[in-house]
């Protein structure tokens, strides 16, 4: 079993694992810089059959928070200004309607997060002051629109559930570096620079089936332990995703500063991008069936200026 770092060692990751200035003192894209044209071209070469698996779920205004995040919103308002009436054409044989949609980028939705989402000592990734990302008019830096070219790269699924021989990990199970490396060995795959790493915990499947465990405001959730942060830096992961919120809850540390250390130091030190609450059940079954755990990963978030996340529908293409 991997040794668990002390709280001080985890806090030290902010400096020891830092990507600040790696791509320039004014860089805003963080680990997306690892997805180079060569990395994309190699990923495109993984497409063989054209089969596609969605890694998201429907967003349903009748059930906007199926995972109990407490912050998900999804509202749909049908606009009553029919097209023909609006342009003054009176009664016509055709008509059309529009709607206004209000949606939380975070929460139960499958969403891509930027490094503006978390800060440490009032600083975001690359030293940008937290005031740049928390203005009432939205974040002026590190916004989701910086992923305007999308995320097209090699995706790797590490199925920790299959490694343990279970449908889902027990809530609160800490995934350690030994688990991650054992999953690589079992599947015959290695996470490489520029990859999207997807970690299958079974959290979505379990929650939709049996509900949350623990305090609804701070439930027990299986996820990566802070000890995995050096792995993410050493392997130069471009985007980290899972069917949970990445961090194990509780984190294993008493200090509230380490409530979610993978999010905190992944974002602030590495400039790492995250995909929370993906749907990985179908993908895990597909990978096990064909014996292949790598694929072309594609994700096109909103080009929305001033926000820290985008609801999205990432796909795996085989």
C-alpha atoms as a PDB file:
ATOM      1  CA  UNK A   1       0.000   0.000   0.000  1.00  0.00           C
ATOM      2  CA  UNK A   2       1.312   3.431  -0.900  1.00  0.00           C
ATOM      3  CA  UNK A   3       2.524   5.562   1.982  1.00  0.00           C
ATOM      4  CA  UNK A   4       0.128   8.386   2.759  1.00  0.00           C
ATOM      5  CA  UNK A   5       1.826  11.772   2.819  1.00  0.00           C
ATOM      6  CA  UNK A   6       1.459  13.956   5.875  1.00  0.00           C
ATOM      7  CA  UNK A   7      -0.615  17.126   5.725  1.00  0.00           C
ATOM      8  CA  UNK A   8       2.569  19.206   5.507  1.00  0.00           C
ATOM      9  CA  UNK A   9       3.837  17.064   2.627  1.00  0.00           C
ATOM     10  CA  UNK A  10       0.579  17.535   0.735  1.00  0.00           C
ATOM     11  CA  UNK A  11       0.707  21.289   1.250  1.00  0.00           C
ATOM     12  CA  UNK A  12       4.292  21.151  -0.008  1.00  0.00           C
ATOM     13  CA  UNK A  13       3.000  19.767  -3.315  1.00  0.00           C
ATOM     14  CA  UNK A  14       1.912  23.288  -4.165  1.00  0.00           C
ATOM     15  CA  UNK A  15       5.565  24.164  -4.703  1.00  0.00           C
ATOM     16  CA  UNK A  16       7.210  20.817  -5.476  1.00  0.00           C
ATOM     17  CA  UNK A  17       4.739  19.877  -8.236  1.00  0.00           C
ATOM     18  CA  UNK A  18       4.240  23.380  -9.600  1.00  0.00           C
ATOM     19  CA  UNK A  19       3.826  24.086 -13.312  1.00  0.00           C
ATOM     20  CA  UNK A  20       4.000  27.847 -12.765  1.00  0.00           C
ATOM     21  CA  UNK A  21       6.027  29.497 -15.558  1.00  0.00           C
ATOM     22  CA  UNK A  22       6.484  26.151 -17.314  1.00  0.00           C
ATOM     23  CA  UNK A  23       4.668  27.498 -20.386  1.00  0.00           C
ATOM     24  CA  UNK A  24       5.446  31.145 -19.692  1.00  0.00           C
ATOM     25  CA  UNK A  25       4.703  33.565 -16.874  1.00  0.00           C
ATOM     26  CA  UNK A  26       1.500  34.681 -18.606  1.00  0.00           C
ATOM     27  CA  UNK A  27       0.179  31.202 -19.464  1.00  0.00           C
ATOM     28  CA  UNK A  28      -3.532  30.607 -18.898  1.00  0.00           C
ATOM     29  CA  UNK A  29      -4.115  27.140 -20.368  1.00  0.00           C
ATOM     30  CA  UNK A  30      -2.122  25.041 -17.923  1.00  0.00           C
ATOM     31  CA  UNK A  31      -2.045  21.345 -18.730  1.00  0.00           C
ATOM     32  CA  UNK A  32      -4.001  21.803 -21.961  1.00  0.00           C
ATOM     33  CA  UNK A  33      -0.616  22.859 -23.336  1.00  0.00           C
ATOM     34  CA  UNK A  34       0.350  19.179 -23.135  1.00  0.00           C
ATOM     35  CA  UNK A  35      -2.132  18.361 -25.907  1.00  0.00           C
ATOM     36  CA  UNK A  36       0.119  19.221 -28.826  1.00  0.00           C
ATOM     37  CA  UNK A  37      -0.645  18.611 -32.522  1.00  0.00           C
ATOM     38  CA  UNK A  38       1.538  15.475 -32.383  1.00  0.00           C
ATOM     39  CA  UNK A  39      -0.434  14.194 -29.380  1.00  0.00           C
ATOM     40  CA  UNK A  40      -3.695  14.826 -31.236  1.00  0.00           C
ATOM     41  CA  UNK A  41      -2.504  13.053 -34.368  1.00  0.00           C
ATOM     42  CA  UNK A  42      -1.499   9.979 -32.394  1.00  0.00           C
ATOM     43  CA  UNK A  43      -4.913   9.997 -30.721  1.00  0.00           C
ATOM     44  CA  UNK A  44      -6.728  10.222 -34.059  1.00  0.00           C
ATOM     45  CA  UNK A  45      -4.861   7.058 -35.072  1.00  0.00           C
ATOM     46  CA  UNK A  46      -6.716   5.142 -32.335  1.00  0.00           C
ATOM     47  CA  UNK A  47     -10.000   5.301 -34.246  1.00  0.00           C
ATOM     48  CA  UNK A  48     -10.679   1.898 -35.835  1.00  0.00           C
ATOM     49  CA  UNK A  49     -14.410   1.111 -35.824  1.00  0.00           C
ATOM     50  CA  UNK A  50     -16.008   4.529 -35.398  1.00  0.00           C
ATOM     51  CA  UNK A  51     -17.985   3.359 -32.358  1.00  0.00           C
ATOM     52  CA  UNK A  52     -18.856   6.210 -29.996  1.00  0.00           C
ATOM     53  CA  UNK A  53     -19.676   6.104 -26.281  1.00  0.00           C
ATOM     54  CA  UNK A  54     -21.065   9.164 -24.523  1.00  0.00           C
ATOM     55  CA  UNK A  55     -19.519   9.954 -21.156  1.00  0.00           C
ATOM     56  CA  UNK A  56     -22.351  12.152 -19.939  1.00  0.00           C
ATOM     57  CA  UNK A  57     -25.963  11.860 -18.836  1.00  0.00           C
ATOM     58  CA  UNK A  58     -29.089  13.723 -19.824  1.00  0.00           C
ATOM     59  CA  UNK A  59     -29.670  17.032 -18.069  1.00  0.00           C
ATOM     60  CA  UNK A  60     -33.271  16.827 -16.895  1.00  0.00           C
ATOM     61  CA  UNK A  61     -35.050  19.938 -15.551  1.00  0.00           C
ATOM     62  CA  UNK A  62     -37.409  17.570 -13.714  1.00  0.00           C
ATOM     63  CA  UNK A  63     -34.423  16.064 -11.845  1.00  0.00           C
ATOM     64  CA  UNK A  64     -31.558  18.562 -12.072  1.00  0.00           C
ATOM     65  CA  UNK A  65     -29.437  17.169  -9.201  1.00  0.00           C
ATOM     66  CA  UNK A  66     -29.529  13.356  -9.381  1.00  0.00           C
ATOM     67  CA  UNK A  67     -26.177  13.010  -7.600  1.00  0.00           C
ATOM     68  CA  UNK A  68     -27.142  15.246  -4.688  1.00  0.00           C
ATOM     69  CA  UNK A  69     -24.476  17.884  -5.230  1.00  0.00           C
ATOM     70  CA  UNK A  70     -26.684  20.576  -3.751  1.00  0.00           C
ATOM     71  CA  UNK A  71     -25.712  23.141  -6.394  1.00  0.00           C
ATOM     72  CA  UNK A  72     -27.135  21.802  -9.646  1.00  0.00           C
ATOM     73  CA  UNK A  73     -29.781  23.844 -11.444  1.00  0.00           C
ATOM     74  CA  UNK A  74     -31.447  23.170 -14.772  1.00  0.00           C
ATOM     75  CA  UNK A  75     -34.370  25.344 -15.763  1.00  0.00           C
ATOM     76  CA  UNK A  76     -36.057  25.699 -19.127  1.00  0.00           C
ATOM     77  CA  UNK A  77     -38.330  28.624 -20.003  1.00  0.00           C
ATOM     78  CA  UNK A  78     -40.300  28.479 -23.224  1.00  0.00           C
ATOM     79  CA  UNK A  79     -40.435  31.891 -24.851  1.00  0.00           C
ATOM     80  CA  UNK A  80     -43.916  32.939 -25.941  1.00  0.00           C
ATOM     81  CA  UNK A  81     -42.785  35.251 -28.732  1.00  0.00           C
ATOM     82  CA  UNK A  82     -43.504  33.071 -31.721  1.00  0.00           C
ATOM     83  CA  UNK A  83     -41.380  33.861 -34.746  1.00  0.00           C
ATOM     84  CA  UNK A  84     -44.169  34.829 -37.101  1.00  0.00           C
ATOM     85  CA  UNK A  85     -45.763  37.162 -34.560  1.00  0.00           C
ATOM     86  CA  UNK A  86     -42.404  38.711 -33.713  1.00  0.00           C
ATOM     87  CA  UNK A  87     -41.668  39.737 -37.300  1.00  0.00           C
ATOM     88  CA  UNK A  88     -45.184  41.064 -37.813  1.00  0.00           C
ATOM     89  CA  UNK A  89     -46.386  38.554 -40.387  1.00  0.00           C
ATOM     90  CA  UNK A  90     -49.641  37.688 -38.634  1.00  0.00           C
ATOM     91  CA  UNK A  91     -51.116  34.223 -39.095  1.00  0.00           C
ATOM     92  CA  UNK A  92     -48.837  31.844 -41.009  1.00  0.00           C
ATOM     93  CA  UNK A  93     -48.713  28.120 -41.670  1.00  0.00           C
ATOM     94  CA  UNK A  94     -45.265  27.858 -40.099  1.00  0.00           C
ATOM     95  CA  UNK A  95     -44.103  29.023 -36.707  1.00  0.00           C
ATOM     96  CA  UNK A  96     -41.255  28.398 -34.297  1.00  0.00           C
ATOM     97  CA  UNK A  97     -40.521  28.874 -30.624  1.00  0.00           C
ATOM     98  CA  UNK A  98     -37.371  29.455 -28.613  1.00  0.00           C
ATOM     99  CA  UNK A  99     -36.443  28.916 -24.996  1.00  0.00           C
ATOM    100  CA  UNK A 100     -34.200  30.351 -22.328  1.00  0.00           C
ATOM    101  CA  UNK A 101     -32.084  27.831 -20.421  1.00  0.00           C
ATOM    102  CA  UNK A 102     -30.581  28.396 -16.973  1.00  0.00           C
ATOM    103  CA  UNK A 103     -28.078  25.731 -15.971  1.00  0.00           C
ATOM    104  CA  UNK A 104     -25.387  25.252 -13.335  1.00  0.00           C
ATOM    105  CA  UNK A 105     -22.042  24.498 -14.879  1.00  0.00           C
ATOM    106  CA  UNK A 106     -20.983  22.615 -11.738  1.00  0.00           C
ATOM    107  CA  UNK A 107     -22.896  20.080  -9.653  1.00  0.00           C
ATOM    108  CA  UNK A 108     -24.405  16.825 -10.872  1.00  0.00           C
ATOM    109  CA  UNK A 109     -23.882  17.734 -14.522  1.00  0.00           C
ATOM    110  CA  UNK A 110     -20.912  16.235 -16.311  1.00  0.00           C
ATOM    111  CA  UNK A 111     -18.702  19.295 -16.597  1.00  0.00           C
ATOM    112  CA  UNK A 112     -15.225  20.477 -17.536  1.00  0.00           C
ATOM    113  CA  UNK A 113     -13.562  22.712 -14.950  1.00  0.00           C
ATOM    114  CA  UNK A 114     -10.786  25.261 -15.366  1.00  0.00           C
ATOM    115  CA  UNK A 115      -8.058  26.060 -12.860  1.00  0.00           C
ATOM    116  CA  UNK A 116      -9.996  29.192 -11.869  1.00  0.00           C
ATOM    117  CA  UNK A 117     -12.291  26.962  -9.821  1.00  0.00           C
ATOM    118  CA  UNK A 118      -9.929  26.605  -6.824  1.00  0.00           C
ATOM    119  CA  UNK A 119      -7.332  28.912  -5.303  1.00  0.00           C
ATOM    120  CA  UNK A 120      -4.668  28.616  -2.605  1.00  0.00           C
ATOM    121  CA  UNK A 121      -3.495  31.515  -0.467  1.00  0.00           C
ATOM    122  CA  UNK A 122      -5.551  33.829  -2.692  1.00  0.00           C
ATOM    123  CA  UNK A 123      -3.701  32.716  -5.825  1.00  0.00           C
ATOM    124  CA  UNK A 124      -4.828  30.704  -8.811  1.00  0.00           C
ATOM    125  CA  UNK A 125      -2.635  28.751 -11.214  1.00  0.00           C
ATOM    126  CA  UNK A 126       0.492  30.556 -12.430  1.00  0.00           C
ATOM    127  CA  UNK A 127       0.217  33.189  -9.711  1.00  0.00           C
ATOM    128  CA  UNK A 128      -2.894  34.964 -10.921  1.00  0.00           C
ATOM    129  CA  UNK A 129      -4.632  36.737  -8.083  1.00  0.00           C
ATOM    130  CA  UNK A 130      -7.942  35.320  -6.960  1.00  0.00           C
ATOM    131  CA  UNK A 131      -9.524  38.709  -7.638  1.00  0.00           C
ATOM    132  CA  UNK A 132      -9.080  37.967 -11.359  1.00  0.00           C
ATOM    133  CA  UNK A 133     -11.466  35.014 -11.128  1.00  0.00           C
ATOM    134  CA  UNK A 134     -14.045  36.140  -8.571  1.00  0.00           C
ATOM    135  CA  UNK A 135     -15.323  39.463  -9.841  1.00  0.00           C
ATOM    136  CA  UNK A 136     -19.065  40.047  -9.919  1.00  0.00           C
ATOM    137  CA  UNK A 137     -18.824  40.240 -13.715  1.00  0.00           C
ATOM    138  CA  UNK A 138     -17.142  36.841 -13.945  1.00  0.00           C
ATOM    139  CA  UNK A 139     -13.568  35.643 -14.060  1.00  0.00           C
ATOM    140  CA  UNK A 140     -11.323  37.835 -16.177  1.00  0.00           C
ATOM    141  CA  UNK A 141      -8.689  35.100 -16.427  1.00  0.00           C
ATOM    142  CA  UNK A 142      -8.515  31.290 -16.592  1.00  0.00           C
ATOM    143  CA  UNK A 143     -12.010  31.091 -18.072  1.00  0.00           C
ATOM    144  CA  UNK A 144     -13.527  28.082 -19.850  1.00  0.00           C
ATOM    145  CA  UNK A 145     -13.353  29.835 -23.223  1.00  0.00           C
ATOM    146  CA  UNK A 146      -9.596  29.163 -23.185  1.00  0.00           C
ATOM    147  CA  UNK A 147     -10.477  25.607 -24.250  1.00  0.00           C
ATOM    148  CA  UNK A 148     -11.951  26.977 -27.470  1.00  0.00           C
ATOM    149  CA  UNK A 149     -10.083  24.424 -29.591  1.00  0.00           C
ATOM    150  CA  UNK A 150     -11.734  21.643 -27.614  1.00  0.00           C
ATOM    151  CA  UNK A 151     -10.083  18.652 -25.993  1.00  0.00           C
ATOM    152  CA  UNK A 152      -9.055  16.062 -28.576  1.00  0.00           C
ATOM    153  CA  UNK A 153      -6.487  13.624 -27.276  1.00  0.00           C
ATOM    154  CA  UNK A 154      -5.893  10.068 -26.138  1.00  0.00           C
ATOM    155  CA  UNK A 155      -8.246   8.975 -23.400  1.00  0.00           C
ATOM    156  CA  UNK A 156      -7.300   6.214 -20.952  1.00  0.00           C
ATOM    157  CA  UNK A 157      -9.800   4.572 -18.628  1.00  0.00           C
ATOM    158  CA  UNK A 158      -8.410   3.024 -15.473  1.00  0.00           C
ATOM    159  CA  UNK A 159     -11.125   0.789 -14.033  1.00  0.00           C
ATOM    160  CA  UNK A 160     -10.508   0.634 -10.292  1.00  0.00           C
ATOM    161  CA  UNK A 161     -13.841  -1.161  -9.819  1.00  0.00           C
ATOM    162  CA  UNK A 162     -12.722  -4.021 -12.086  1.00  0.00           C
ATOM    163  CA  UNK A 163      -9.365  -4.099 -10.330  1.00  0.00           C
ATOM    164  CA  UNK A 164     -11.157  -4.699  -7.048  1.00  0.00           C
ATOM    165  CA  UNK A 165     -13.786  -7.011  -8.585  1.00  0.00           C
ATOM    166  CA  UNK A 166     -16.758  -4.828  -7.575  1.00  0.00           C
ATOM    167  CA  UNK A 167     -19.497  -2.829  -9.284  1.00  0.00           C
ATOM    168  CA  UNK A 168     -18.533   0.244  -7.274  1.00  0.00           C
ATOM    169  CA  UNK A 169     -15.966   1.235  -4.687  1.00  0.00           C
ATOM    170  CA  UNK A 170     -17.195   1.693  -1.149  1.00  0.00           C
ATOM    171  CA  UNK A 171     -17.983   5.353  -0.374  1.00  0.00           C
ATOM    172  CA  UNK A 172     -14.918   6.954   1.160  1.00  0.00           C
ATOM    173  CA  UNK A 173     -12.466   4.488  -0.402  1.00  0.00           C
ATOM    174  CA  UNK A 174      -9.135   6.280  -1.052  1.00  0.00           C
ATOM    175  CA  UNK A 175      -7.604   5.350  -4.406  1.00  0.00           C
ATOM    176  CA  UNK A 176      -3.840   5.244  -3.883  1.00  0.00           C
ATOM    177  CA  UNK A 177      -0.980   5.323  -6.414  1.00  0.00           C
ATOM    178  CA  UNK A 178      -0.614   1.556  -5.975  1.00  0.00           C
ATOM    179  CA  UNK A 179      -4.218   1.136  -7.158  1.00  0.00           C
ATOM    180  CA  UNK A 180      -3.628   3.338 -10.186  1.00  0.00           C
ATOM    181  CA  UNK A 181      -0.455   1.515 -11.190  1.00  0.00           C
ATOM    182  CA  UNK A 182      -2.035  -1.892 -10.580  1.00  0.00           C
ATOM    183  CA  UNK A 183      -4.910  -0.933 -12.888  1.00  0.00           C
ATOM    184  CA  UNK A 184      -2.390   0.070 -15.557  1.00  0.00           C
ATOM    185  CA  UNK A 185      -0.613  -3.258 -15.232  1.00  0.00           C
ATOM    186  CA  UNK A 186      -3.852  -5.254 -15.265  1.00  0.00           C
ATOM    187  CA  UNK A 187      -5.098  -3.477 -18.378  1.00  0.00           C
ATOM    188  CA  UNK A 188      -1.770  -3.326 -20.203  1.00  0.00           C
ATOM    189  CA  UNK A 189      -1.890   0.439 -20.656  1.00  0.00           C
ATOM    190  CA  UNK A 190       0.253   3.340 -19.434  1.00  0.00           C
ATOM    191  CA  UNK A 191      -0.865   6.919 -18.883  1.00  0.00           C
ATOM    192  CA  UNK A 192       1.266   9.245 -21.016  1.00  0.00           C
ATOM    193  CA  UNK A 193       1.797  13.008 -21.394  1.00  0.00           C
ATOM    194  CA  UNK A 194      -1.191  14.815 -22.842  1.00  0.00           C
ATOM    195  CA  UNK A 195      -3.690  12.073 -21.964  1.00  0.00           C
ATOM    196  CA  UNK A 196      -7.128  12.452 -20.475  1.00  0.00           C
ATOM    197  CA  UNK A 197      -7.120  10.074 -17.519  1.00  0.00           C
ATOM    198  CA  UNK A 198     -10.562   8.737 -16.582  1.00  0.00           C
ATOM    199  CA  UNK A 199     -10.898   6.902 -13.272  1.00  0.00           C
ATOM    200  CA  UNK A 200     -13.855   4.550 -12.842  1.00  0.00           C
ATOM    201  CA  UNK A 201     -15.068   4.507  -9.225  1.00  0.00           C
ATOM    202  CA  UNK A 202     -18.688   3.429  -9.746  1.00  0.00           C
ATOM    203  CA  UNK A 203     -19.895   6.468  -7.790  1.00  0.00           C
ATOM    204  CA  UNK A 204     -22.523   7.536 -10.321  1.00  0.00           C
ATOM    205  CA  UNK A 205     -23.882   4.020 -10.681  1.00  0.00           C
ATOM    206  CA  UNK A 206     -24.029   3.517  -6.915  1.00  0.00           C
ATOM    207  CA  UNK A 207     -25.562   6.905  -6.161  1.00  0.00           C
ATOM    208  CA  UNK A 208     -28.292   6.601  -8.779  1.00  0.00           C
ATOM    209  CA  UNK A 209     -29.061   3.129  -7.421  1.00  0.00           C
ATOM    210  CA  UNK A 210     -28.754   3.574  -3.659  1.00  0.00           C
ATOM    211  CA  UNK A 211     -28.277   7.258  -2.885  1.00  0.00           C
ATOM    212  CA  UNK A 212     -25.520   9.111  -1.091  1.00  0.00           C
ATOM    213  CA  UNK A 213     -23.819   7.920   2.081  1.00  0.00           C
ATOM    214  CA  UNK A 214     -23.238  10.239   5.027  1.00  0.00           C
ATOM    215  CA  UNK A 215     -24.040  13.901   5.533  1.00  0.00           C
ATOM    216  CA  UNK A 216     -25.719  15.191   2.332  1.00  0.00           C
ATOM    217  CA  UNK A 217     -23.651  18.371   2.654  1.00  0.00           C
ATOM    218  CA  UNK A 218     -20.416  16.354   2.806  1.00  0.00           C
ATOM    219  CA  UNK A 219     -21.102  12.766   1.709  1.00  0.00           C
ATOM    220  CA  UNK A 220     -18.628   9.922   1.656  1.00  0.00           C
ATOM    221  CA  UNK A 221     -17.293   9.478  -1.891  1.00  0.00           C
ATOM    222  CA  UNK A 222     -14.623   7.194  -3.313  1.00  0.00           C
ATOM    223  CA  UNK A 223     -11.880   9.032  -5.149  1.00  0.00           C
ATOM    224  CA  UNK A 224      -8.198   9.773  -5.512  1.00  0.00           C
ATOM    225  CA  UNK A 225      -6.137  10.303  -2.387  1.00  0.00           C
ATOM    226  CA  UNK A 226      -3.790  13.298  -2.305  1.00  0.00           C
ATOM    227  CA  UNK A 227      -0.936  10.784  -2.602  1.00  0.00           C
ATOM    228  CA  UNK A 228      -1.839  10.514  -6.323  1.00  0.00           C
ATOM    229  CA  UNK A 229      -0.875  14.115  -7.063  1.00  0.00           C
ATOM    230  CA  UNK A 230       2.791  13.296  -7.852  1.00  0.00           C
ATOM    231  CA  UNK A 231       1.573  10.622 -10.299  1.00  0.00           C
ATOM    232  CA  UNK A 232      -0.556  13.191 -12.126  1.00  0.00           C
ATOM    233  CA  UNK A 233       2.432  15.543 -12.385  1.00  0.00           C
ATOM    234  CA  UNK A 234       4.979  12.859 -13.306  1.00  0.00           C
ATOM    235  CA  UNK A 235       2.771  11.477 -16.079  1.00  0.00           C
ATOM    236  CA  UNK A 236       1.799  14.955 -17.323  1.00  0.00           C
ATOM    237  CA  UNK A 237      -1.929  14.239 -17.370  1.00  0.00           C
ATOM    238  CA  UNK A 238      -3.724  16.944 -19.359  1.00  0.00           C
ATOM    239  CA  UNK A 239      -7.238  16.389 -17.982  1.00  0.00           C
ATOM    240  CA  UNK A 240      -8.360  14.277 -15.019  1.00  0.00           C
ATOM    241  CA  UNK A 241     -11.882  12.890 -15.051  1.00  0.00           C
ATOM    242  CA  UNK A 242     -13.967  10.413 -13.117  1.00  0.00           C
ATOM    243  CA  UNK A 243     -17.526   9.415 -12.365  1.00  0.00           C
ATOM    244  CA  UNK A 244     -17.203  11.298  -9.077  1.00  0.00           C
ATOM    245  CA  UNK A 245     -15.504  14.528  -7.998  1.00  0.00           C
ATOM    246  CA  UNK A 246     -11.909  13.193  -8.205  1.00  0.00           C
ATOM    247  CA  UNK A 247     -11.150  13.625  -4.476  1.00  0.00           C
ATOM    248  CA  UNK A 248     -11.935  10.987  -1.899  1.00  0.00           C
ATOM    249  CA  UNK A 249     -14.279  12.291   0.788  1.00  0.00           C
ATOM    250  CA  UNK A 250     -13.339  12.526   3.572  1.00  0.00           C
ATOM    251  CA  UNK A 251      -9.838  13.330   2.404  1.00  0.00           C
ATOM    252  CA  UNK A 252      -8.127  11.700   5.387  1.00  0.00           C
ATOM    253  CA  UNK A 253      -6.844  15.010   6.765  1.00  0.00           C
ATOM    254  CA  UNK A 254      -8.246  16.972   9.690  1.00  0.00           C
ATOM    255  CA  UNK A 255      -7.525  20.422   8.285  1.00  0.00           C
ATOM    256  CA  UNK A 256     -10.350  21.913   6.234  1.00  0.00           C
ATOM    257  CA  UNK A 257      -7.623  23.419   4.029  1.00  0.00           C
ATOM    258  CA  UNK A 258      -7.195  19.849   2.755  1.00  0.00           C
ATOM    259  CA  UNK A 259     -10.897  19.227   2.196  1.00  0.00           C
ATOM    260  CA  UNK A 260     -10.248  18.452  -1.492  1.00  0.00           C
ATOM    261  CA  UNK A 261      -6.476  18.459  -2.014  1.00  0.00           C
ATOM    262  CA  UNK A 262      -6.561  16.863  -5.487  1.00  0.00           C
ATOM    263  CA  UNK A 263      -8.781  19.661  -6.747  1.00  0.00           C
ATOM    264  CA  UNK A 264      -6.922  22.329  -4.791  1.00  0.00           C
ATOM    265  CA  UNK A 265      -3.345  21.526  -5.753  1.00  0.00           C
ATOM    266  CA  UNK A 266      -4.158  19.926  -9.078  1.00  0.00           C
ATOM    267  CA  UNK A 267      -5.665  23.210 -10.183  1.00  0.00           C
ATOM    268  CA  UNK A 268      -3.501  25.761  -8.394  1.00  0.00           C
ATOM    269  CA  UNK A 269      -0.098  24.080  -8.759  1.00  0.00           C
ATOM    270  CA  UNK A 270      -0.420  21.980 -11.925  1.00  0.00           C
ATOM    271  CA  UNK A 271      -2.990  24.034 -13.835  1.00  0.00           C
ATOM    272  CA  UNK A 272      -4.839  20.741 -14.304  1.00  0.00           C
ATOM    273  CA  UNK A 273      -8.286  20.627 -15.899  1.00  0.00           C
ATOM    274  CA  UNK A 274     -10.971  18.359 -14.441  1.00  0.00           C
ATOM    275  CA  UNK A 275     -14.077  16.550 -15.658  1.00  0.00           C
ATOM    276  CA  UNK A 276     -16.403  15.797 -12.750  1.00  0.00           C
ATOM    277  CA  UNK A 277     -19.325  13.370 -12.650  1.00  0.00           C
ATOM    278  CA  UNK A 278     -18.767  11.674 -15.988  1.00  0.00           C
ATOM    279  CA  UNK A 279     -20.829   8.589 -16.863  1.00  0.00           C
ATOM    280  CA  UNK A 280     -18.307   5.759 -17.153  1.00  0.00           C
ATOM    281  CA  UNK A 281     -20.440   2.629 -16.694  1.00  0.00           C
ATOM    282  CA  UNK A 282     -21.013   2.023 -20.410  1.00  0.00           C
ATOM    283  CA  UNK A 283     -17.421   2.934 -21.259  1.00  0.00           C
ATOM    284  CA  UNK A 284     -16.041   0.482 -18.692  1.00  0.00           C
ATOM    285  CA  UNK A 285     -18.229  -2.294 -20.091  1.00  0.00           C
ATOM    286  CA  UNK A 286     -17.155  -1.472 -23.651  1.00  0.00           C
ATOM    287  CA  UNK A 287     -13.454  -1.455 -22.760  1.00  0.00           C
ATOM    288  CA  UNK A 288     -13.726  -4.762 -20.891  1.00  0.00           C
ATOM    289  CA  UNK A 289     -15.626  -6.353 -23.775  1.00  0.00           C
ATOM    290  CA  UNK A 290     -13.074  -5.464 -26.437  1.00  0.00           C
ATOM    291  CA  UNK A 291     -10.014  -5.583 -24.169  1.00  0.00           C
ATOM    292  CA  UNK A 292      -8.962  -2.059 -25.054  1.00  0.00           C
ATOM    293  CA  UNK A 293      -8.639   0.829 -22.596  1.00  0.00           C
ATOM    294  CA  UNK A 294      -7.481   3.667 -24.849  1.00  0.00           C
ATOM    295  CA  UNK A 295      -9.484   5.684 -27.352  1.00  0.00           C
ATOM    296  CA  UNK A 296      -9.849   9.080 -28.955  1.00  0.00           C
ATOM    297  CA  UNK A 297     -11.335  11.418 -26.381  1.00  0.00           C
ATOM    298  CA  UNK A 298     -13.304  14.416 -27.640  1.00  0.00           C
ATOM    299  CA  UNK A 299     -14.898  17.224 -25.670  1.00  0.00           C
ATOM    300  CA  UNK A 300     -16.201  20.598 -26.854  1.00  0.00           C
ATOM    301  CA  UNK A 301     -17.057  22.945 -23.969  1.00  0.00           C
ATOM    302  CA  UNK A 302     -18.840  26.277 -24.212  1.00  0.00           C
ATOM    303  CA  UNK A 303     -16.867  29.245 -25.514  1.00  0.00           C
ATOM    304  CA  UNK A 304     -18.236  31.187 -22.556  1.00  0.00           C
ATOM    305  CA  UNK A 305     -16.117  34.066 -21.250  1.00  0.00           C
ATOM    306  CA  UNK A 306     -15.771  34.523 -17.502  1.00  0.00           C
ATOM    307  CA  UNK A 307     -16.909  31.158 -16.122  1.00  0.00           C
ATOM    308  CA  UNK A 308     -15.039  28.391 -14.328  1.00  0.00           C
ATOM    309  CA  UNK A 309     -16.760  25.378 -15.905  1.00  0.00           C
ATOM    310  CA  UNK A 310     -18.928  24.135 -18.746  1.00  0.00           C
ATOM    311  CA  UNK A 311     -21.512  21.403 -18.824  1.00  0.00           C
ATOM    312  CA  UNK A 312     -20.417  19.134 -21.639  1.00  0.00           C
ATOM    313  CA  UNK A 313     -20.922  15.796 -23.365  1.00  0.00           C
ATOM    314  CA  UNK A 314     -17.479  14.203 -23.782  1.00  0.00           C
ATOM    315  CA  UNK A 315     -17.266  11.114 -25.968  1.00  0.00           C
ATOM    316  CA  UNK A 316     -14.920   8.167 -26.425  1.00  0.00           C
ATOM    317  CA  UNK A 317     -14.380   7.127 -30.050  1.00  0.00           C
ATOM    318  CA  UNK A 318     -13.013   3.669 -30.869  1.00  0.00           C
END
